[in-house]
Amino acid sequence: MLPTKWDKDKKGNYIGGVSSENVTALKILKMAMELKKIRMKAKDEGRELTAGEAYENVIEPILKL
């Protein structure tokens, strides 16, 4: 019988594959964290973060992962 993603090995660690949905969810979380960082940096510099800057520096690189 093939393992499911909820099966555990002898040490109790989960085994199985990562779905494309899992990867997408992780990318979204990573984008949110990085956008917060870059927004706070811009705020500390006394300026507003532009949509283009956010896309070029955060969203586009993460989408390419």
C-alpha atoms as a PDB file:
ATOM      1  CA  MET A   1       0.000   0.000   0.000  1.00  0.00           C
ATOM      2  CA  LEU A   2       1.339   3.454  -0.940  1.00  0.00           C
ATOM      3  CA  PRO A   3       1.724   6.023   1.846  1.00  0.00           C
ATOM      4  CA  THR A   4      -0.711   8.906   2.034  1.00  0.00           C
ATOM      5  CA  LYS A   5       0.382  12.369   3.077  1.00  0.00           C
ATOM      6  CA  TRP A   6      -1.005  11.650   6.566  1.00  0.00           C
ATOM      7  CA  ASP A   7       0.978   8.461   7.193  1.00  0.00           C
ATOM      8  CA  LYS A   8       3.854   8.540   9.670  1.00  0.00           C
ATOM      9  CA  ASP A   9       7.218   6.810   9.605  1.00  0.00           C
ATOM     10  CA  LYS A  10       8.675   4.866  12.539  1.00  0.00           C
ATOM     11  CA  LYS A  11       9.889   8.097  14.191  1.00  0.00           C
ATOM     12  CA  GLY A  12       6.453   9.729  13.979  1.00  0.00           C
ATOM     13  CA  ASN A  13       7.303  12.119  11.125  1.00  0.00           C
ATOM     14  CA  TYR A  14       4.717  12.649   8.409  1.00  0.00           C
ATOM     15  CA  ILE A  15       5.629  11.186   5.036  1.00  0.00           C
ATOM     16  CA  GLY A  16       4.195  11.798   1.624  1.00  0.00           C
ATOM     17  CA  GLY A  17       4.208  14.359  -1.125  1.00  0.00           C
ATOM     18  CA  VAL A  18       3.598  18.066  -1.222  1.00  0.00           C
ATOM     19  CA  SER A  19       0.720  19.135  -3.423  1.00  0.00           C
ATOM     20  CA  SER A  20       0.675  22.141  -5.717  1.00  0.00           C
ATOM     21  CA  GLU A  21      -1.948  23.628  -3.395  1.00  0.00           C
ATOM     22  CA  ASN A  22       0.537  23.403  -0.515  1.00  0.00           C
ATOM     23  CA  VAL A  23       3.183  25.196  -2.554  1.00  0.00           C
ATOM     24  CA  THR A  24       0.742  27.932  -3.576  1.00  0.00           C
ATOM     25  CA  ALA A  25      -0.346  28.495   0.024  1.00  0.00           C
ATOM     26  CA  LEU A  26       3.281  28.763   1.149  1.00  0.00           C
ATOM     27  CA  LYS A  27       4.035  31.254  -1.615  1.00  0.00           C
ATOM     28  CA  ILE A  28       1.095  33.417  -0.527  1.00  0.00           C
ATOM     29  CA  LEU A  29       2.285  33.364   3.082  1.00  0.00           C
ATOM     30  CA  LYS A  30       5.826  34.244   1.989  1.00  0.00           C
ATOM     31  CA  MET A  31       4.508  37.159  -0.072  1.00  0.00           C
ATOM     32  CA  ALA A  32       2.537  38.488   2.889  1.00  0.00           C
ATOM     33  CA  MET A  33       5.577  38.346   5.177  1.00  0.00           C
ATOM     34  CA  GLU A  34       7.888  39.985   2.638  1.00  0.00           C
ATOM     35  CA  LEU A  35       5.347  42.683   1.742  1.00  0.00           C
ATOM     36  CA  LYS A  36       5.062  43.583   5.429  1.00  0.00           C
ATOM     37  CA  LYS A  37       8.851  43.899   5.685  1.00  0.00           C
ATOM     38  CA  ILE A  38       9.188  46.084   2.589  1.00  0.00           C
ATOM     39  CA  ARG A  39       6.200  48.229   3.603  1.00  0.00           C
ATOM     40  CA  MET A  40       7.689  48.838   7.056  1.00  0.00           C
ATOM     41  CA  LYS A  41      11.043  49.725   5.481  1.00  0.00           C
ATOM     42  CA  ALA A  42       9.377  52.259   3.177  1.00  0.00           C
ATOM     43  CA  LYS A  43       7.427  53.705   6.106  1.00  0.00           C
ATOM     44  CA  ASP A  44      10.640  54.103   8.130  1.00  0.00           C
ATOM     45  CA  GLU A  45      12.112  55.971   5.162  1.00  0.00           C
ATOM     46  CA  GLY A  46       9.054  58.266   5.146  1.00  0.00           C
ATOM     47  CA  ARG A  47       7.593  57.163   1.838  1.00  0.00           C
ATOM     48  CA  GLU A  48       4.755  55.063   0.459  1.00  0.00           C
ATOM     49  CA  LEU A  49       5.356  51.676  -1.130  1.00  0.00           C
ATOM     50  CA  THR A  50       4.274  51.665  -4.773  1.00  0.00           C
ATOM     51  CA  ALA A  51       2.508  48.747  -6.406  1.00  0.00           C
ATOM     52  CA  GLY A  52       5.286  48.467  -8.987  1.00  0.00           C
ATOM     53  CA  GLU A  53       7.957  48.353  -6.305  1.00  0.00           C
ATOM     54  CA  ALA A  54       6.047  45.689  -4.392  1.00  0.00           C
ATOM     55  CA  TYR A  55       5.599  43.599  -7.527  1.00  0.00           C
ATOM     56  CA  GLU A  56       9.218  43.867  -8.673  1.00  0.00           C
ATOM     57  CA  ASN A  57      10.818  43.270  -5.273  1.00  0.00           C
ATOM     58  CA  VAL A  58       8.451  40.768  -3.661  1.00  0.00           C
ATOM     59  CA  ILE A  59       5.706  39.246  -5.760  1.00  0.00           C
ATOM     60  CA  GLU A  60       7.527  38.512  -9.012  1.00  0.00           C
ATOM     61  CA  PRO A  61      10.542  36.755  -7.406  1.00  0.00           C
ATOM     62  CA  ILE A  62       8.298  34.582  -5.247  1.00  0.00           C
ATOM     63  CA  LEU A  63       6.062  33.647  -8.175  1.00  0.00           C
ATOM     64  CA  LYS A  64       9.157  32.462 -10.049  1.00  0.00           C
ATOM     65  CA  LEU A  65      10.110  30.007  -7.276  1.00  0.00           C
END
